[in-house]
Amino acid sequence: IRMAGSNLAAVSLGDSRAIRVGQLAVAI
């Protein structure tokens, strides 16, 4: 979806191939 705005805070996307079982995961 898209909201109106500019210069909004945006996340940094990781690489799910680098995920390992047991590593920390934070849900927001």
All heavy atoms as atom14 arrays in JSON, in Angstrom:
{
  "sequence": "IRMAGSNLAAVSLGDSRAIRVGQLAVAI",
  "atom14_mask": [
    [1, 1, 1, 1, 1, 1, 1, 1, 0, 0, 0, 0, 0, 0],
    [1, 1, 1, 1, 1, 1, 1, 1, 1, 1, 1, 0, 0, 0],
    [1, 1, 1, 1, 1, 1, 1, 1, 0, 0, 0, 0, 0, 0],
    [1, 1, 1, 1, 1, 0, 0, 0, 0, 0, 0, 0, 0, 0],
    [1, 1, 1, 1, 0, 0, 0, 0, 0, 0, 0, 0, 0, 0],
    [1, 1, 1, 1, 1, 1, 0, 0, 0, 0, 0, 0, 0, 0],
    [1, 1, 1, 1, 1, 1, 1, 1, 0, 0, 0, 0, 0, 0],
    [1, 1, 1, 1, 1, 1, 1, 1, 0, 0, 0, 0, 0, 0],
    [1, 1, 1, 1, 1, 0, 0, 0, 0, 0, 0, 0, 0, 0],
    [1, 1, 1, 1, 1, 0, 0, 0, 0, 0, 0, 0, 0, 0],
    [1, 1, 1, 1, 1, 1, 1, 0, 0, 0, 0, 0, 0, 0],
    [1, 1, 1, 1, 1, 1, 0, 0, 0, 0, 0, 0, 0, 0],
    [1, 1, 1, 1, 1, 1, 1, 1, 0, 0, 0, 0, 0, 0],
    [1, 1, 1, 1, 0, 0, 0, 0, 0, 0, 0, 0, 0, 0],
    [1, 1, 1, 1, 1, 1, 1, 1, 0, 0, 0, 0, 0, 0],
    [1, 1, 1, 1, 1, 1, 0, 0, 0, 0, 0, 0, 0, 0],
    [1, 1, 1, 1, 1, 1, 1, 1, 1, 1, 1, 0, 0, 0],
    [1, 1, 1, 1, 1, 0, 0, 0, 0, 0, 0, 0, 0, 0],
    [1, 1, 1, 1, 1, 1, 1, 1, 0, 0, 0, 0, 0, 0],
    [1, 1, 1, 1, 1, 1, 1, 1, 1, 1, 1, 0, 0, 0],
    [1, 1, 1, 1, 1, 1, 1, 0, 0, 0, 0, 0, 0, 0],
    [1, 1, 1, 1, 0, 0, 0, 0, 0, 0, 0, 0, 0, 0],
    [1, 1, 1, 1, 1, 1, 1, 1, 1, 0, 0, 0, 0, 0],
    [1, 1, 1, 1, 1, 1, 1, 1, 0, 0, 0, 0, 0, 0],
    [1, 1, 1, 1, 1, 0, 0, 0, 0, 0, 0, 0, 0, 0],
    [1, 1, 1, 1, 1, 1, 1, 0, 0, 0, 0, 0, 0, 0],
    [1, 1, 1, 1, 1, 0, 0, 0, 0, 0, 0, 0, 0, 0],
    [1, 1, 1, 1, 1, 1, 1, 1, 0, 0, 0, 0, 0, 0]
  ],
  "atom14_positions": [
    [[0.86, -1.17, 0.0], [0.0, 0.0, 0.0], [0.9, 1.23, 0.0], [2.11, 1.12, 0.21], [-0.95, 0.03, 1.22], [-0.17, 0.1, 2.53], [-1.86, -1.19, 1.21], [-1.04, 0.26, 3.77], [0.0, 0.0, 0.0], [0.0, 0.0, 0.0], [0.0, 0.0, 0.0], [0.0, 0.0, 0.0], [0.0, 0.0, 0.0], [0.0, 0.0, 0.0]],
    [[0.31, 2.39, -0.27], [1.12, 3.6, -0.29], [0.37, 4.74, 0.38], [-0.81, 4.97, 0.11], [1.48, 4.01, -1.72], [2.5, 5.14, -1.78], [2.84, 5.51, -3.2], [3.94, 6.47, -3.25], [4.41, 7.03, -4.37], [3.84, 6.73, -5.54], [5.41, 7.88, -4.32], [0.0, 0.0, 0.0], [0.0, 0.0, 0.0], [0.0, 0.0, 0.0]],
    [[1.06, 5.43, 1.26], [0.52, 6.61, 1.91], [1.2, 7.85, 1.32], [2.3, 7.77, 0.76], [0.77, 6.57, 3.42], [2.23, 6.55, 3.83], [2.5, 6.62, 5.61], [1.95, 8.31, 5.97], [0.0, 0.0, 0.0], [0.0, 0.0, 0.0], [0.0, 0.0, 0.0], [0.0, 0.0, 0.0], [0.0, 0.0, 0.0], [0.0, 0.0, 0.0]],
    [[0.54, 8.99, 1.43], [1.14, 10.23, 0.96], [2.23, 10.66, 1.92], [2.14, 10.48, 3.14], [0.07, 11.31, 0.85], [0.0, 0.0, 0.0], [0.0, 0.0, 0.0], [0.0, 0.0, 0.0], [0.0, 0.0, 0.0], [0.0, 0.0, 0.0], [0.0, 0.0, 0.0], [0.0, 0.0, 0.0], [0.0, 0.0, 0.0], [0.0, 0.0, 0.0]],
    [[3.3, 11.21, 1.37], [4.38, 11.69, 2.23], [5.71, 11.62, 1.53], [5.85, 11.05, 0.45], [0.0, 0.0, 0.0], [0.0, 0.0, 0.0], [0.0, 0.0, 0.0], [0.0, 0.0, 0.0], [0.0, 0.0, 0.0], [0.0, 0.0, 0.0], [0.0, 0.0, 0.0], [0.0, 0.0, 0.0], [0.0, 0.0, 0.0], [0.0, 0.0, 0.0]],
    [[6.7, 12.25, 2.13], [8.07, 12.22, 1.62], [9.02, 12.23, 2.81], [8.66, 12.65, 3.92], [8.33, 13.41, 0.7], [8.15, 14.63, 1.4], [0.0, 0.0, 0.0], [0.0, 0.0, 0.0], [0.0, 0.0, 0.0], [0.0, 0.0, 0.0], [0.0, 0.0, 0.0], [0.0, 0.0, 0.0], [0.0, 0.0, 0.0], [0.0, 0.0, 0.0]],
    [[10.2, 11.74, 2.58], [11.23, 11.68, 3.63], [10.74, 10.94, 4.87], [11.07, 11.3, 6.0], [11.71, 13.09, 4.02], [12.35, 13.82, 2.85], [13.1, 13.23, 2.08], [12.05, 15.1, 2.73], [0.0, 0.0, 0.0], [0.0, 0.0, 0.0], [0.0, 0.0, 0.0], [0.0, 0.0, 0.0], [0.0, 0.0, 0.0], [0.0, 0.0, 0.0]],
    [[9.91, 9.93, 4.65], [9.42, 9.13, 5.76], [10.49, 8.15, 6.23], [11.34, 7.71, 5.45], [8.17, 8.36, 5.34], [6.96, 9.2, 4.92], [5.88, 8.32, 4.29], [6.4, 9.95, 6.12], [0.0, 0.0, 0.0], [0.0, 0.0, 0.0], [0.0, 0.0, 0.0], [0.0, 0.0, 0.0], [0.0, 0.0, 0.0], [0.0, 0.0, 0.0]],
    [[10.45, 7.8, 7.51], [11.37, 6.8, 8.03], [11.09, 5.46, 7.36], [9.93, 5.05, 7.23], [11.2, 6.67, 9.55], [0.0, 0.0, 0.0], [0.0, 0.0, 0.0], [0.0, 0.0, 0.0], [0.0, 0.0, 0.0], [0.0, 0.0, 0.0], [0.0, 0.0, 0.0], [0.0, 0.0, 0.0], [0.0, 0.0, 0.0], [0.0, 0.0, 0.0]],
    [[12.13, 4.78, 6.9], [11.97, 3.5, 6.21], [12.9, 2.47, 6.84], [13.95, 2.81, 7.4], [12.28, 3.65, 4.72], [0.0, 0.0, 0.0], [0.0, 0.0, 0.0], [0.0, 0.0, 0.0], [0.0, 0.0, 0.0], [0.0, 0.0, 0.0], [0.0, 0.0, 0.0], [0.0, 0.0, 0.0], [0.0, 0.0, 0.0], [0.0, 0.0, 0.0]],
    [[12.5, 1.22, 6.76], [13.29, 0.14, 7.34], [14.46, -0.21, 6.43], [14.49, 0.12, 5.24], [12.43, -1.12, 7.57], [11.3, -0.83, 8.52], [11.93, -1.67, 6.23], [0.0, 0.0, 0.0], [0.0, 0.0, 0.0], [0.0, 0.0, 0.0], [0.0, 0.0, 0.0], [0.0, 0.0, 0.0], [0.0, 0.0, 0.0], [0.0, 0.0, 0.0]],
    [[15.41, -0.96, 6.98], [16.49, -1.57, 6.22], [16.14, -3.04, 6.03], [15.82, -3.74, 7.0], [17.82, -1.42, 6.96], [18.85, -2.12, 6.29], [0.0, 0.0, 0.0], [0.0, 0.0, 0.0], [0.0, 0.0, 0.0], [0.0, 0.0, 0.0], [0.0, 0.0, 0.0], [0.0, 0.0, 0.0], [0.0, 0.0, 0.0], [0.0, 0.0, 0.0]],
    [[16.16, -3.5, 4.79], [15.79, -4.89, 4.49], [17.03, -5.78, 4.53], [18.06, -5.45, 3.94], [15.11, -4.98, 3.12], [13.85, -4.14, 2.94], [13.27, -4.34, 1.55], [12.81, -4.5, 4.0], [0.0, 0.0, 0.0], [0.0, 0.0, 0.0], [0.0, 0.0, 0.0], [0.0, 0.0, 0.0], [0.0, 0.0, 0.0], [0.0, 0.0, 0.0]],
    [[16.91, -6.91, 5.22], [18.02, -7.83, 5.34], [18.01, -8.9, 4.26], [17.37, -8.76, 3.22], [0.0, 0.0, 0.0], [0.0, 0.0, 0.0], [0.0, 0.0, 0.0], [0.0, 0.0, 0.0], [0.0, 0.0, 0.0], [0.0, 0.0, 0.0], [0.0, 0.0, 0.0], [0.0, 0.0, 0.0], [0.0, 0.0, 0.0], [0.0, 0.0, 0.0]],
    [[18.72, -9.98, 4.52], [18.83, -11.1, 3.59], [18.4, -12.35, 4.34], [19.09, -12.82, 5.25], [20.28, -11.23, 3.11], [20.48, -12.36, 2.11], [19.49, -13.08, 1.82], [21.61, -12.56, 1.64], [0.0, 0.0, 0.0], [0.0, 0.0, 0.0], [0.0, 0.0, 0.0], [0.0, 0.0, 0.0], [0.0, 0.0, 0.0], [0.0, 0.0, 0.0]],
    [[17.24, -12.91, 3.96], [16.73, -14.06, 4.7], [17.57, -15.31, 4.48], [17.45, -16.28, 5.23], [15.26, -14.33, 4.33], [15.08, -14.42, 2.93], [0.0, 0.0, 0.0], [0.0, 0.0, 0.0], [0.0, 0.0, 0.0], [0.0, 0.0, 0.0], [0.0, 0.0, 0.0], [0.0, 0.0, 0.0], [0.0, 0.0, 0.0], [0.0, 0.0, 0.0]],
    [[18.46, -15.32, 3.47], [19.34, -16.47, 3.28], [20.39, -16.55, 4.39], [20.98, -17.61, 4.61], [20.04, -16.39, 1.92], [19.12, -16.56, 0.72], [19.86, -16.33, -0.57], [20.41, -14.98, -0.63], [21.12, -14.51, -1.66], [21.33, -15.27, -2.72], [21.58, -13.27, -1.63], [0.0, 0.0, 0.0], [0.0, 0.0, 0.0], [0.0, 0.0, 0.0]],
    [[20.62, -15.44, 5.08], [21.63, -15.41, 6.13], [21.06, -15.77, 7.5], [21.81, -15.81, 8.48], [22.28, -14.02, 6.19], [0.0, 0.0, 0.0], [0.0, 0.0, 0.0], [0.0, 0.0, 0.0], [0.0, 0.0, 0.0], [0.0, 0.0, 0.0], [0.0, 0.0, 0.0], [0.0, 0.0, 0.0], [0.0, 0.0, 0.0], [0.0, 0.0, 0.0]],
    [[19.76, -16.06, 7.58], [19.14, -16.37, 8.86], [19.62, -17.73, 9.35], [19.77, -18.68, 8.56], [17.61, -16.38, 8.74], [17.11, -15.02, 8.26], [16.96, -16.72, 10.09], [15.62, -15.02, 7.96], [0.0, 0.0, 0.0], [0.0, 0.0, 0.0], [0.0, 0.0, 0.0], [0.0, 0.0, 0.0], [0.0, 0.0, 0.0], [0.0, 0.0, 0.0]],
    [[19.84, -17.84, 10.65], [20.24, -19.12, 11.26], [19.3, -19.44, 12.42], [18.88, -18.54, 13.16], [21.68, -19.04, 11.77], [22.71, -18.84, 10.64], [22.78, -20.05, 9.72], [23.75, -19.87, 8.65], [23.46, -19.42, 7.44], [22.2, -19.07, 7.15], [24.4, -19.31, 6.52], [0.0, 0.0, 0.0], [0.0, 0.0, 0.0], [0.0, 0.0, 0.0]],
    [[18.99, -20.7, 12.57], [18.16, -21.15, 13.68], [18.84, -20.79, 15.0], [20.04, -21.0, 15.17], [17.9, -22.66, 13.61], [17.18, -23.16, 14.86], [17.09, -23.0, 12.36], [0.0, 0.0, 0.0], [0.0, 0.0, 0.0], [0.0, 0.0, 0.0], [0.0, 0.0, 0.0], [0.0, 0.0, 0.0], [0.0, 0.0, 0.0], [0.0, 0.0, 0.0]],
    [[18.09, -20.22, 15.92], [18.62, -19.83, 17.21], [18.97, -18.36, 17.34], [19.18, -17.87, 18.45], [0.0, 0.0, 0.0], [0.0, 0.0, 0.0], [0.0, 0.0, 0.0], [0.0, 0.0, 0.0], [0.0, 0.0, 0.0], [0.0, 0.0, 0.0], [0.0, 0.0, 0.0], [0.0, 0.0, 0.0], [0.0, 0.0, 0.0], [0.0, 0.0, 0.0]],
    [[19.01, -17.64, 16.2], [19.37, -16.22, 16.29], [18.19, -15.4, 16.81], [17.04, -15.81, 16.75], [19.83, -15.69, 14.93], [18.71, -15.42, 13.94], [19.22, -14.75, 12.66], [19.96, -15.35, 11.89], [18.82, -13.5, 12.45], [0.0, 0.0, 0.0], [0.0, 0.0, 0.0], [0.0, 0.0, 0.0], [0.0, 0.0, 0.0], [0.0, 0.0, 0.0]],
    [[18.5, -14.22, 17.32], [17.49, -13.33, 17.88], [16.5, -12.89, 16.8], [16.88, -12.62, 15.67], [18.16, -12.1, 18.49], [17.23, -11.02, 19.06], [16.53, -11.54, 20.31], [18.02, -9.75, 19.38], [0.0, 0.0, 0.0], [0.0, 0.0, 0.0], [0.0, 0.0, 0.0], [0.0, 0.0, 0.0], [0.0, 0.0, 0.0], [0.0, 0.0, 0.0]],
    [[15.24, -12.85, 17.17], [14.19, -12.35, 16.28], [13.29, -11.42, 17.08], [12.8, -11.78, 18.15], [13.38, -13.51, 15.69], [0.0, 0.0, 0.0], [0.0, 0.0, 0.0], [0.0, 0.0, 0.0], [0.0, 0.0, 0.0], [0.0, 0.0, 0.0], [0.0, 0.0, 0.0], [0.0, 0.0, 0.0], [0.0, 0.0, 0.0], [0.0, 0.0, 0.0]],
    [[13.05, -10.22, 16.56], [12.24, -9.22, 17.23], [11.04, -8.91, 16.34], [11.2, -8.56, 15.17], [13.04, -7.93, 17.49], [12.16, -6.87, 18.16], [14.27, -8.22, 18.35], [0.0, 0.0, 0.0], [0.0, 0.0, 0.0], [0.0, 0.0, 0.0], [0.0, 0.0, 0.0], [0.0, 0.0, 0.0], [0.0, 0.0, 0.0], [0.0, 0.0, 0.0]],
    [[9.84, -9.06, 16.9], [8.61, -8.75, 16.16], [8.06, -7.42, 16.65], [7.97, -7.17, 17.85], [7.57, -9.85, 16.37], [0.0, 0.0, 0.0], [0.0, 0.0, 0.0], [0.0, 0.0, 0.0], [0.0, 0.0, 0.0], [0.0, 0.0, 0.0], [0.0, 0.0, 0.0], [0.0, 0.0, 0.0], [0.0, 0.0, 0.0], [0.0, 0.0, 0.0]],
    [[7.71, -6.56, 15.68], [7.17, -5.24, 16.01], [5.83, -5.09, 15.29], [5.72, -5.4, 14.1], [8.12, -4.12, 15.58], [9.52, -4.34, 16.18], [7.59, -2.75, 16.02], [10.56, -3.35, 15.7], [0.0, 0.0, 0.0], [0.0, 0.0, 0.0], [0.0, 0.0, 0.0], [0.0, 0.0, 0.0], [0.0, 0.0, 0.0], [0.0, 0.0, 0.0]]
  ]
}
